[in-house]
Amino acid sequence: MIALYVILSVFLLIAIIMLLRAGVQIEYGENGILADFSIGPLKFRVFPAAGKEKIKRKRRPRETAPPKKEPEREKGGKFSEFRKYLSYISAAGDRLKRKLRVDDLTLYFAAGGSDPAAVAIAYGGVTAAMGMLIPVLEQNFDIRKRDFETSFSYELKEPYIFVRAKISAAVWELIYIGLPILSLYIKSKDTKSGKEEK
């Protein structure tokens, strides 16, 4: 009888944890993909694995410190590298059955390249695409705050992009959405290791 109570208690605890609201922050920038998971006051990095990168903590400025300048724009990563992650986004999107709450969605795109005409065309195309993308995102997601911006620079050798999404959902929803991403990641790792062996 005691064993039954223990088993029921464990199942009840798991059920409570699954219903708790948790947050995930996914970011792509100059350091590649970063993912943080938070539940209540707890927050920890889930990708890359611990030990590969240290989380930088911002120190609080002293009261006597001079006034800060305008905050610098987050540095983006190569758009060519970002494109390989689109399949993960698509796989997660296929599992969304209702509007997912996005607390913060940030997207900065900077067109660049050696051909000025190509840079101008890319800048205009992405700006127009963002205008069409915003209504689609708002229809499918509950976005509380968003910040989209496009720019161009002839000093950049290629396009760069910075993306950050803060998602809030029940633990079971995050697991359900994350399963296909994990599956694709494992398959890609197996494919890479297979090629290296050959």
Protein backbone atom coordinates (compact mmCIF):
# COMPACT_ATOMS: atom_id res chain seq x y z
CA MET A 1 0.00 0.00 0.00
CA ILE A 2 2.84 2.36 0.87
CA ALA A 3 4.48 1.62 -2.49
CA LEU A 4 1.24 2.61 -4.25
CA TYR A 5 1.14 5.94 -2.40
CA VAL A 6 4.77 6.58 -3.35
CA ILE A 7 4.08 5.84 -7.02
CA LEU A 8 0.97 8.08 -7.01
CA SER A 9 2.96 10.87 -5.32
CA VAL A 10 5.68 10.62 -7.98
CA PHE A 11 3.11 10.77 -10.78
CA LEU A 12 1.40 13.74 -9.12
CA LEU A 13 4.73 15.55 -8.79
CA ILE A 14 5.55 14.93 -12.47
CA ALA A 15 2.08 16.17 -13.47
CA ILE A 16 2.54 19.38 -11.46
CA ILE A 17 5.99 19.98 -13.01
CA MET A 18 4.60 19.41 -16.52
CA LEU A 19 1.88 22.03 -15.93
CA LEU A 20 4.28 24.65 -14.58
CA ARG A 21 4.95 27.60 -16.87
CA ALA A 22 8.52 27.80 -18.09
CA GLY A 23 10.48 30.00 -20.46
CA VAL A 24 12.94 29.38 -23.25
CA GLN A 25 15.14 32.01 -24.84
CA ILE A 26 16.68 31.09 -28.18
CA GLU A 27 19.18 33.41 -29.79
CA TYR A 28 21.24 33.38 -32.97
CA GLY A 29 24.06 35.88 -33.34
CA GLU A 30 27.80 36.13 -33.75
CA ASN A 31 28.29 33.27 -31.24
CA GLY A 32 25.92 30.93 -33.08
CA ILE A 33 22.90 29.35 -31.43
CA LEU A 34 22.36 29.94 -27.69
CA ALA A 35 19.42 28.51 -25.72
CA ASP A 36 18.47 29.21 -22.10
CA PHE A 37 15.74 27.50 -20.07
CA SER A 38 14.06 29.07 -17.05
CA ILE A 39 11.44 27.85 -14.62
CA GLY A 40 10.55 30.06 -11.68
CA PRO A 41 13.74 31.68 -10.33
CA LEU A 42 15.95 29.00 -11.91
CA LYS A 43 17.71 29.74 -15.19
CA PHE A 44 20.37 27.70 -16.96
CA ARG A 45 21.89 27.27 -20.41
CA VAL A 46 20.86 24.19 -22.36
CA PHE A 47 22.79 24.85 -25.58
CA PRO A 48 25.69 24.80 -26.04
CA ALA A 49 26.42 22.28 -23.31
CA ALA A 50 27.86 23.53 -20.03
CA GLY A 51 31.61 23.99 -20.13
CA LYS A 52 31.73 25.04 -23.79
CA GLU A 53 30.71 28.57 -23.04
CA LYS A 54 30.53 30.68 -19.93
CA ILE A 55 27.51 32.91 -19.44
CA LYS A 56 28.68 36.47 -19.10
CA ARG A 57 27.10 38.29 -16.19
CA LYS A 58 26.70 42.03 -16.51
CA ARG A 59 28.05 43.97 -13.55
CA ARG A 60 25.89 46.68 -12.08
CA PRO A 61 27.32 50.11 -12.83
CA ARG A 62 28.43 52.19 -9.85
CA GLU A 63 26.38 55.23 -8.93
CA THR A 64 29.33 57.50 -9.72
CA ALA A 65 29.75 56.03 -13.23
CA PRO A 66 29.27 58.46 -16.14
CA PRO A 67 26.04 58.21 -18.14
CA LYS A 68 26.02 55.36 -20.63
CA LYS A 69 25.98 55.83 -24.37
CA GLU A 70 23.23 54.39 -26.55
CA PRO A 71 23.33 50.57 -26.27
CA GLU A 72 25.05 48.92 -29.20
CA ARG A 73 23.01 46.72 -31.52
CA GLU A 74 23.55 43.00 -30.93
CA LYS A 75 25.99 41.57 -33.43
CA GLY A 76 24.44 39.12 -35.85
CA GLY A 77 25.78 35.90 -37.26
CA LYS A 78 26.18 34.94 -40.89
CA PHE A 79 22.85 34.56 -42.67
CA SER A 80 24.27 31.64 -44.66
CA GLU A 81 24.83 29.77 -41.36
CA PHE A 82 21.38 30.71 -40.03
CA ARG A 83 19.64 29.13 -43.03
CA LYS A 84 20.61 25.63 -41.90
CA TYR A 85 18.54 26.13 -38.73
CA LEU A 86 15.33 26.91 -40.66
CA SER A 87 14.47 23.19 -40.82
CA TYR A 88 14.42 23.10 -36.99
CA ILE A 89 12.03 26.07 -36.90
CA SER A 90 9.78 24.37 -39.45
CA ALA A 91 9.78 21.09 -37.49
CA ALA A 92 8.78 22.88 -34.28
CA GLY A 93 6.11 24.92 -36.08
CA ASP A 94 4.40 21.78 -37.37
CA ARG A 95 3.56 20.82 -33.77
CA LEU A 96 1.93 24.09 -32.77
CA LYS A 97 -1.76 23.45 -32.23
CA ARG A 98 -2.60 26.86 -30.79
CA LYS A 99 -1.08 30.29 -30.39
CA LEU A 100 2.23 30.13 -28.56
CA ARG A 101 3.09 33.05 -26.31
CA VAL A 102 6.21 34.89 -27.40
CA ASP A 103 7.24 37.43 -24.76
CA ASP A 104 9.91 39.05 -26.92
CA LEU A 105 10.80 38.61 -30.59
CA THR A 106 13.80 40.45 -31.99
CA LEU A 107 15.08 40.28 -35.56
CA TYR A 108 17.83 42.45 -37.05
CA PHE A 109 18.97 41.87 -40.62
CA ALA A 110 21.94 43.61 -42.24
CA ALA A 111 22.42 43.23 -46.00
CA GLY A 112 26.03 43.16 -47.17
CA GLY A 113 28.26 42.09 -50.00
CA SER A 114 30.77 43.23 -52.60
CA ASP A 115 28.14 44.21 -55.19
CA PRO A 116 26.32 47.46 -54.19
CA ALA A 117 23.38 46.70 -56.49
CA ALA A 118 22.92 43.23 -54.98
CA VAL A 119 23.09 44.73 -51.47
CA ALA A 120 20.40 47.28 -52.31
CA ILE A 121 18.15 44.59 -53.83
CA ALA A 122 18.63 42.29 -50.81
CA TYR A 123 17.87 45.15 -48.41
CA GLY A 124 14.70 46.12 -50.27
CA GLY A 125 13.56 42.50 -50.60
CA VAL A 126 14.06 41.66 -46.92
CA THR A 127 12.36 44.90 -45.82
CA ALA A 128 9.33 44.07 -47.95
CA ALA A 129 9.34 40.45 -46.73
CA MET A 130 9.32 41.60 -43.10
CA GLY A 131 6.29 43.76 -43.81
CA MET A 132 4.44 40.65 -45.02
CA LEU A 133 5.87 38.41 -42.28
CA ILE A 134 4.67 40.49 -39.31
CA PRO A 135 0.90 39.90 -39.88
CA VAL A 136 1.50 36.16 -40.37
CA LEU A 137 3.49 35.93 -37.12
CA GLU A 138 0.88 37.90 -35.18
CA GLN A 139 -1.85 35.64 -36.53
CA ASN A 140 -0.09 32.47 -35.39
CA PHE A 141 1.64 33.67 -32.22
CA ASP A 142 0.73 35.78 -29.21
CA ILE A 143 3.60 38.26 -29.46
CA ARG A 144 3.85 40.62 -26.51
CA LYS A 145 6.85 42.63 -27.73
CA ARG A 146 8.66 42.69 -31.06
CA ASP A 147 11.57 44.60 -32.57
CA PHE A 148 12.28 44.14 -36.29
CA GLU A 149 14.88 46.16 -38.16
CA THR A 150 16.70 45.98 -41.48
CA SER A 151 19.85 47.81 -42.53
CA PHE A 152 22.68 47.54 -45.02
CA SER A 153 26.41 48.08 -45.07
CA TYR A 154 28.87 47.94 -47.94
CA GLU A 155 31.59 47.07 -45.41
CA LEU A 156 30.01 43.66 -44.70
CA LYS A 157 31.19 40.82 -46.93
CA GLU A 158 27.85 39.00 -46.68
CA PRO A 159 24.41 39.36 -45.01
CA TYR A 160 24.18 39.04 -41.24
CA ILE A 161 21.18 38.32 -39.01
CA PHE A 162 20.40 38.46 -35.30
CA VAL A 163 17.34 36.62 -33.96
CA ARG A 164 16.13 36.30 -30.38
CA ALA A 165 12.86 34.74 -29.22
CA LYS A 166 11.65 34.47 -25.62
CA ILE A 167 8.94 31.81 -25.47
CA SER A 168 6.67 31.13 -22.50
CA ALA A 169 4.64 27.90 -22.22
CA ALA A 170 3.85 24.93 -20.00
CA VAL A 171 6.74 22.48 -19.55
CA TRP A 172 4.89 19.72 -21.43
CA GLU A 173 4.30 22.07 -24.39
CA LEU A 174 7.99 22.97 -24.60
CA ILE A 175 8.96 19.29 -24.49
CA TYR A 176 6.38 18.43 -27.17
CA ILE A 177 7.60 21.23 -29.46
CA GLY A 178 11.26 20.46 -28.78
CA LEU A 179 11.16 16.73 -29.56
CA PRO A 180 11.34 17.09 -33.39
CA ILE A 181 14.18 19.62 -33.00
CA LEU A 182 16.12 17.15 -30.86
CA SER A 183 15.45 14.39 -33.39
CA LEU A 184 16.72 16.50 -36.30
CA TYR A 185 19.79 17.53 -34.29
CA ILE A 186 20.68 13.91 -33.49
CA LYS A 187 20.21 12.90 -37.15
CA SER A 188 22.43 15.74 -38.34
CA LYS A 189 25.11 14.70 -35.83
CA ASP A 190 24.91 11.08 -37.02
CA THR A 191 25.16 12.20 -40.65
CA LYS A 192 28.21 14.35 -39.92
CA SER A 193 29.95 11.58 -37.96
CA GLY A 194 29.21 9.13 -40.80
CA LYS A 195 30.81 11.44 -43.34
CA GLU A 196 33.86 11.95 -41.15
CA GLU A 197 34.36 8.18 -40.80
CA LYS A 198 34.34 7.79 -44.61
